[in-house]
PDB file of N, CA and C in Angstrom:
ATOM      1  N   UNK A   1       0.727  -1.167   0.054  1.00  0.00           N
ATOM      2  CA  UNK A   1       0.069   0.111   0.102  1.00  0.00           C
ATOM      3  C   UNK A   1       0.852   1.227  -0.002  1.00  0.00           C
ATOM      4  N   UNK A   2       2.001   1.326   0.608  1.00  0.00           N
ATOM      5  CA  UNK A   2       3.018   2.391   0.691  1.00  0.00           C
ATOM      6  C   UNK A   2       3.455   2.555  -0.893  1.00  0.00           C
ATOM      7  N   UNK A   3       3.632   1.449  -1.542  1.00  0.00           N
ATOM      8  CA  UNK A   3       3.968   1.897  -2.897  1.00  0.00           C
ATOM      9  C   UNK A   3       2.950   2.502  -3.890  1.00  0.00           C
ATOM     10  N   UNK A   4       1.865   1.900  -3.466  1.00  0.00           N
ATOM     11  CA  UNK A   4       0.806   2.502  -4.353  1.00  0.00           C
ATOM     12  C   UNK A   4       0.601   4.153  -3.914  1.00  0.00           C
ATOM     13  N   UNK A   5       0.542   4.390  -2.682  1.00  0.00           N
ATOM     14  CA  UNK A   5       0.301   5.580  -2.049  1.00  0.00           C
ATOM     15  C   UNK A   5       1.471   6.647  -2.746  1.00  0.00           C
ATOM     16  N   UNK A   6       2.650   5.962  -2.976  1.00  0.00           N
ATOM     17  CA  UNK A   6       3.781   6.959  -3.252  1.00  0.00           C
ATOM     18  C   UNK A   6       3.565   7.160  -5.042  1.00  0.00           C
ATOM     19  N   UNK A   7       2.977   6.218  -5.551  1.00  0.00           N
ATOM     20  CA  UNK A   7       2.918   6.226  -7.067  1.00  0.00           C
ATOM     21  C   UNK A   7       1.643   7.149  -7.050  1.00  0.00           C
ATOM     22  N   UNK A   8       0.501   7.025  -6.330  1.00  0.00           N
ATOM     23  CA  UNK A   8      -0.354   8.354  -6.498  1.00  0.00           C
ATOM     24  C   UNK A   8      -0.189   9.333  -6.233  1.00  0.00           C
ATOM     25  N   UNK A   9       0.495   9.684  -5.296  1.00  0.00           N
ATOM     26  CA  UNK A   9       1.333  11.056  -5.107  1.00  0.00           C
ATOM     27  C   UNK A   9       1.858  11.673  -6.371  1.00  0.00           C
ATOM     28  N   UNK A  10       2.678  10.905  -6.985  1.00  0.00           N
ATOM     29  CA  UNK A  10       3.225  11.276  -8.302  1.00  0.00           C
ATOM     30  C   UNK A  10       2.154  11.625  -9.295  1.00  0.00           C
ATOM     31  N   UNK A  11       1.137  10.652  -9.478  1.00  0.00           N
ATOM     32  CA  UNK A  11      -0.002  11.006 -10.386  1.00  0.00           C
ATOM     33  C   UNK A  11      -0.715  12.012  -9.869  1.00  0.00           C
ATOM     34  N   UNK A  12      -0.912  12.610  -8.758  1.00  0.00           N
ATOM     35  CA  UNK A  12      -1.724  13.418  -8.391  1.00  0.00           C
ATOM     36  C   UNK A  12      -0.854  14.909  -8.654  1.00  0.00           C
ATOM     37  N   UNK A  13       0.128  15.007  -8.506  1.00  0.00           N
ATOM     38  CA  UNK A  13       1.089  15.874  -8.835  1.00  0.00           C
ATOM     39  C   UNK A  13       1.515  16.160 -10.511  1.00  0.00           C
ATOM     40  N   UNK A  14       1.307  15.346 -11.208  1.00  0.00           N
ATOM     41  CA  UNK A  14       1.369  15.306 -12.498  1.00  0.00           C
ATOM     42  C   UNK A  14      -0.056  15.642 -13.231  1.00  0.00           C
ATOM     43  N   UNK A  15      -1.046  15.016 -12.503  1.00  0.00           N
ATOM     44  CA  UNK A  15      -2.243  15.399 -13.099  1.00  0.00           C
ATOM     45  C   UNK A  15      -3.230  15.930 -12.044  1.00  0.00           C
ATOM     46  N   UNK A  16      -2.899  17.050 -11.400  1.00  0.00           N
ATOM     47  CA  UNK A  16      -3.801  17.666 -10.400  1.00  0.00           C
ATOM     48  C   UNK A  16      -5.258  17.843 -10.551  1.00  0.00           C
ATOM     49  N   UNK A  17      -5.751  17.916 -11.723  1.00  0.00           N
ATOM     50  CA  UNK A  17      -7.325  18.020 -12.030  1.00  0.00           C
ATOM     51  C   UNK A  17      -7.856  16.597 -11.992  1.00  0.00           C
ATOM     52  N   UNK A  18      -7.002  15.562 -11.848  1.00  0.00           N
ATOM     53  CA  UNK A  18      -7.848  14.286 -11.719  1.00  0.00           C
ATOM     54  C   UNK A  18      -8.402  13.778 -10.468  1.00  0.00           C
ATOM     55  N   UNK A  19      -9.631  14.111 -10.574  1.00  0.00           N
ATOM     56  CA  UNK A  19     -10.345  13.879  -9.105  1.00  0.00           C
ATOM     57  C   UNK A  19     -10.187  12.238  -9.009  1.00  0.00           C
ATOM     58  N   UNK A  20     -10.184  11.525  -9.936  1.00  0.00           N
ATOM     59  CA  UNK A  20     -10.191   9.821  -9.575  1.00  0.00           C
ATOM     60  C   UNK A  20      -8.702   9.650  -8.998  1.00  0.00           C
ATOM     61  N   UNK A  21      -7.599  10.269  -9.385  1.00  0.00           N
ATOM     62  CA  UNK A  21      -6.232  10.098  -8.702  1.00  0.00           C
ATOM     63  C   UNK A  21      -6.154  10.519  -7.408  1.00  0.00           C
ATOM     64  N   UNK A  22      -6.921  11.731  -7.141  1.00  0.00           N
ATOM     65  CA  UNK A  22      -7.073  12.100  -5.501  1.00  0.00           C
ATOM     66  C   UNK A  22      -8.013  11.270  -4.832  1.00  0.00           C
ATOM     67  N   UNK A  23      -8.911  10.748  -5.437  1.00  0.00           N
ATOM     68  CA  UNK A  23      -9.592   9.814  -4.565  1.00  0.00           C
ATOM     69  C   UNK A  23      -8.814   8.523  -4.290  1.00  0.00           C
ATOM     70  N   UNK A  24      -8.047   7.929  -5.299  1.00  0.00           N
ATOM     71  CA  UNK A  24      -7.506   6.872  -4.960  1.00  0.00           C
ATOM     72  C   UNK A  24      -6.283   7.143  -4.004  1.00  0.00           C
ATOM     73  N   UNK A  25      -5.479   8.312  -3.961  1.00  0.00           N
ATOM     74  CA  UNK A  25      -4.707   8.456  -3.132  1.00  0.00           C
ATOM     75  C   UNK A  25      -5.462   8.639  -1.534  1.00  0.00           C
ATOM     76  N   UNK A  26      -6.417   9.235  -1.544  1.00  0.00           N
ATOM     77  CA  UNK A  26      -7.166   9.207  -0.298  1.00  0.00           C
ATOM     78  C   UNK A  26      -7.543   7.794   0.228  1.00  0.00           C
ATOM     79  N   UNK A  27      -7.746   6.737  -0.483  1.00  0.00           N
ATOM     80  CA  UNK A  27      -8.011   5.367  -0.214  1.00  0.00           C
ATOM     81  C   UNK A  27      -6.867   4.701   0.344  1.00  0.00           C
ATOM     82  N   UNK A  28      -5.692   4.922  -0.546  1.00  0.00           N
ATOM     83  CA  UNK A  28      -4.645   4.319   0.070  1.00  0.00           C
ATOM     84  C   UNK A  28      -4.201   4.875   1.281  1.00  0.00           C
ATOM     85  N   UNK A  29      -3.969   6.311   1.655  1.00  0.00           N
ATOM     86  CA  UNK A  29      -3.741   6.742   2.687  1.00  0.00           C
ATOM     87  C   UNK A  29      -4.712   6.477   4.164  1.00  0.00           C
ATOM     88  N   UNK A  30      -6.029   6.239   3.535  1.00  0.00           N
ATOM     89  CA  UNK A  30      -6.786   5.738   4.691  1.00  0.00           C
ATOM     90  C   UNK A  30      -6.403   4.331   5.168  1.00  0.00           C
ATOM     91  N   UNK A  31      -6.183   3.454   4.117  1.00  0.00           N
ATOM     92  CA  UNK A  31      -5.577   2.173   4.441  1.00  0.00           C
ATOM     93  C   UNK A  31      -4.504   2.130   5.156  1.00  0.00           C
ATOM     94  N   UNK A  32      -3.634   3.092   5.012  1.00  0.00           N
ATOM     95  CA  UNK A  32      -2.310   3.179   5.774  1.00  0.00           C
ATOM     96  C   UNK A  32      -2.809   3.954   7.233  1.00  0.00           C
ATOM     97  N   UNK A  33      -3.730   4.525   7.580  1.00  0.00           N
ATOM     98  CA  UNK A  33      -4.001   5.446   8.524  1.00  0.00           C
ATOM     99  C   UNK A  33      -3.562   6.664   8.582  1.00  0.00           C
ATOM    100  N   UNK A  34      -3.482   7.072   7.317  1.00  0.00           N
ATOM    101  CA  UNK A  34      -2.918   8.504   7.402  1.00  0.00           C
ATOM    102  C   UNK A  34      -4.037   9.552   7.014  1.00  0.00           C
ATOM    103  N   UNK A  35      -4.733   9.704   8.255  1.00  0.00           N
ATOM    104  CA  UNK A  35      -5.935  10.378   8.072  1.00  0.00           C
ATOM    105  C   UNK A  35      -5.998  11.821   7.460  1.00  0.00           C
ATOM    106  N   UNK A  36      -4.736  12.534   7.978  1.00  0.00           N
ATOM    107  CA  UNK A  36      -4.698  13.857   7.352  1.00  0.00           C
ATOM    108  C   UNK A  36      -4.699  13.835   5.992  1.00  0.00           C
ATOM    109  N   UNK A  37      -4.087  12.880   5.357  1.00  0.00           N
ATOM    110  CA  UNK A  37      -3.888  12.915   3.982  1.00  0.00           C
ATOM    111  C   UNK A  37      -4.898  12.270   3.283  1.00  0.00           C
ATOM    112  N   UNK A  38      -5.418  11.620   4.141  1.00  0.00           N
ATOM    113  CA  UNK A  38      -6.976  10.740   3.459  1.00  0.00           C
ATOM    114  C   UNK A  38      -8.083  12.030   3.297  1.00  0.00           C
ATOM    115  N   UNK A  39      -8.295  12.785   4.356  1.00  0.00           N
ATOM    116  CA  UNK A  39      -9.053  13.664   4.258  1.00  0.00           C
ATOM    117  C   UNK A  39      -8.666  14.970   3.233  1.00  0.00           C
ATOM    118  N   UNK A  40      -7.556  15.146   3.236  1.00  0.00           N
ATOM    119  CA  UNK A  40      -6.949  16.303   2.170  1.00  0.00           C
ATOM    120  C   UNK A  40      -7.172  15.789   0.641  1.00  0.00           C
ATOM    121  N   UNK A  41      -6.819  14.748   0.452  1.00  0.00           N
ATOM    122  CA  UNK A  41      -7.074  14.049  -0.936  1.00  0.00           C
ATOM    123  C   UNK A  41      -8.921  13.907  -1.082  1.00  0.00           C
ATOM    124  N   UNK A  42      -9.478  13.462  -0.438  1.00  0.00           N
ATOM    125  CA  UNK A  42     -10.777  13.303  -0.649  1.00  0.00           C
ATOM    126  C   UNK A  42     -11.291  14.661  -0.750  1.00  0.00           C
ATOM    127  N   UNK A  43     -10.932  15.603  -0.039  1.00  0.00           N
ATOM    128  CA  UNK A  43     -11.576  16.900  -0.122  1.00  0.00           C
ATOM    129  C   UNK A  43     -11.171  17.632  -1.453  1.00  0.00           C
ATOM    130  N   UNK A  44      -9.937  17.391  -2.012  1.00  0.00           N
ATOM    131  CA  UNK A  44      -9.505  17.788  -3.379  1.00  0.00           C
ATOM    132  C   UNK A  44     -10.161  17.014  -4.525  1.00  0.00           C
ATOM    133  N   UNK A  45     -10.592  15.517  -4.280  1.00  0.00           N
ATOM    134  CA  UNK A  45     -11.329  14.908  -5.238  1.00  0.00           C
ATOM    135  C   UNK A  45     -13.007  15.540  -5.068  1.00  0.00           C
ATOM    136  N   UNK A  46     -13.590  15.937  -4.107  1.00  0.00           N
ATOM    137  CA  UNK A  46     -14.673  16.491  -4.088  1.00  0.00           C
ATOM    138  C   UNK A  46     -14.934  17.863  -4.582  1.00  0.00           C
ATOM    139  N   UNK A  47     -13.779  18.425  -4.528  1.00  0.00           N
ATOM    140  CA  UNK A  47     -13.679  19.919  -5.075  1.00  0.00           C
ATOM    141  C   UNK A  47     -13.677  19.854  -6.523  1.00  0.00           C
ATOM    142  N   UNK A  48     -12.832  18.829  -7.030  1.00  0.00           N
ATOM    143  CA  UNK A  48     -12.813  18.698  -8.531  1.00  0.00           C
ATOM    144  C   UNK A  48     -14.106  18.232  -9.043  1.00  0.00           C
ATOM    145  N   UNK A  49     -14.561  17.311  -8.451  1.00  0.00           N
ATOM    146  CA  UNK A  49     -15.975  16.582  -8.988  1.00  0.00           C
ATOM    147  C   UNK A  49     -16.989  17.728  -9.023  1.00  0.00           C
ATOM    148  N   UNK A  50     -17.051  18.447  -8.018  1.00  0.00           N
ATOM    149  CA  UNK A  50     -18.353  19.691  -8.061  1.00  0.00           C
ATOM    150  C   UNK A  50     -17.992  20.841  -8.692  1.00  0.00           C
ATOM    151  N   UNK A  51     -16.919  21.003  -9.198  1.00  0.00           N
ATOM    152  CA  UNK A  51     -16.319  22.276 -10.220  1.00  0.00           C
ATOM    153  C   UNK A  51     -17.462  21.883 -11.350  1.00  0.00           C
ATOM    154  N   UNK A  52     -17.822  23.227 -11.559  1.00  0.00           N
ATOM    155  CA  UNK A  52     -18.272  23.383 -13.142  1.00  0.00           C
ATOM    156  C   UNK A  52     -17.443  23.070 -14.245  1.00  0.00           C
ATOM    157  N   UNK A  53     -17.825  22.388 -15.213  1.00  0.00           N
ATOM    158  CA  UNK A  53     -16.991  21.965 -16.467  1.00  0.00           C
ATOM    159  C   UNK A  53     -17.518  22.418 -17.449  1.00  0.00           C
ATOM    160  N   UNK A  54     -16.876  23.032 -18.742  1.00  0.00           N
ATOM    161  CA  UNK A  54     -17.436  23.238 -19.894  1.00  0.00           C
ATOM    162  C   UNK A  54     -17.883  22.098 -20.622  1.00  0.00           C
ATOM    163  N   UNK A  55     -18.564  21.996 -21.754  1.00  0.00           N
ATOM    164  CA  UNK A  55     -19.165  21.031 -22.320  1.00  0.00           C
ATOM    165  C   UNK A  55     -18.125  19.963 -22.928  1.00  0.00           C
ATOM    166  N   UNK A  56     -17.127  20.378 -23.356  1.00  0.00           N
ATOM    167  CA  UNK A  56     -16.031  19.951 -24.045  1.00  0.00           C
ATOM    168  C   UNK A  56     -15.154  19.124 -22.844  1.00  0.00           C
ATOM    169  N   UNK A  57     -14.993  19.476 -21.645  1.00  0.00           N
ATOM    170  CA  UNK A  57     -14.518  18.666 -20.513  1.00  0.00           C
ATOM    171  C   UNK A  57     -15.564  17.576 -20.097  1.00  0.00           C
ATOM    172  N   UNK A  58     -16.753  17.776 -20.183  1.00  0.00           N
ATOM    173  CA  UNK A  58     -17.556  16.930 -19.669  1.00  0.00           C
ATOM    174  C   UNK A  58     -18.097  15.863 -20.471  1.00  0.00           C
ATOM    175  N   UNK A  59     -17.689  15.863 -21.746  1.00  0.00           N
ATOM    176  CA  UNK A  59     -17.701  14.851 -22.842  1.00  0.00           C
ATOM    177  C   UNK A  59     -19.071  14.949 -23.165  1.00  0.00           C
ATOM    178  N   UNK A  60     -19.906  13.807 -23.377  1.00  0.00           N
ATOM    179  CA  UNK A  60     -21.245  14.022 -24.234  1.00  0.00           C
ATOM    180  C   UNK A  60     -22.347  14.381 -23.184  1.00  0.00           C
ATOM    181  N   UNK A  61     -21.984  14.571 -21.905  1.00  0.00           N
ATOM    182  CA  UNK A  61     -23.170  14.846 -20.988  1.00  0.00           C
ATOM    183  C   UNK A  61     -24.140  15.845 -21.409  1.00  0.00           C
ATOM    184  N   UNK A  62     -25.427  15.744 -21.144  1.00  0.00           N
ATOM    185  CA  UNK A  62     -26.261  16.692 -21.589  1.00  0.00           C
ATOM    186  C   UNK A  62     -26.500  17.660 -20.188  1.00  0.00           C
ATOM    187  N   UNK A  63     -26.909  18.839 -20.675  1.00  0.00           N
ATOM    188  CA  UNK A  63     -27.425  19.787 -19.491  1.00  0.00           C
ATOM    189  C   UNK A  63     -28.551  19.364 -19.018  1.00  0.00           C
ATOM    190  N   UNK A  64     -29.431  19.979 -18.072  1.00  0.00           N
ATOM    191  CA  UNK A  64     -30.598  19.462 -17.518  1.00  0.00           C
ATOM    192  C   UNK A  64     -31.530  20.178 -18.407  1.00  0.00           C
ATOM    193  N   UNK A  65     -31.361  21.463 -18.873  1.00  0.00           N
ATOM    194  CA  UNK A  65     -32.268  22.054 -19.976  1.00  0.00           C
ATOM    195  C   UNK A  65     -32.460  21.162 -21.327  1.00  0.00           C
ATOM    196  N   UNK A  66     -31.556  20.735 -21.531  1.00  0.00           N
ATOM    197  CA  UNK A  66     -31.373  19.902 -22.742  1.00  0.00           C
ATOM    198  C   UNK A  66     -32.155  18.321 -22.636  1.00  0.00           C
ATOM    199  N   UNK A  67     -32.256  17.991 -21.332  1.00  0.00           N
ATOM    200  CA  UNK A  67     -33.013  16.693 -21.074  1.00  0.00           C
ATOM    201  C   UNK A  67     -34.399  16.844 -20.829  1.00  0.00           C
ATOM    202  N   UNK A  68     -34.711  18.147 -20.181  1.00  0.00           N
ATOM    203  CA  UNK A  68     -36.165  18.420 -19.890  1.00  0.00           C
ATOM    204  C   UNK A  68     -36.580  19.173 -21.170  1.00  0.00           C
ATOM    205  N   UNK A  69     -37.839  18.240 -21.713  1.00  0.00           N
ATOM    206  CA  UNK A  69     -38.535  18.766 -22.809  1.00  0.00           C
ATOM    207  C   UNK A  69     -39.906  19.417 -22.447  1.00  0.00           C
TER     208      UNK A  69
END
């Protein structure tokens, strides 16, 4: 798990906008009992997931107004 956490730290540094990487780092940190790092990583993942994205970044997701007829 230490190796996974170390690699995930590198991934988060290289791709700081990847919510999945931050979430995985939080999981690894939690398994190792590093509660501060766990909370920090999950908070970052939550902030990235909650941030508004433009249509190009969101992929093919439809907006609510496009779905409601």
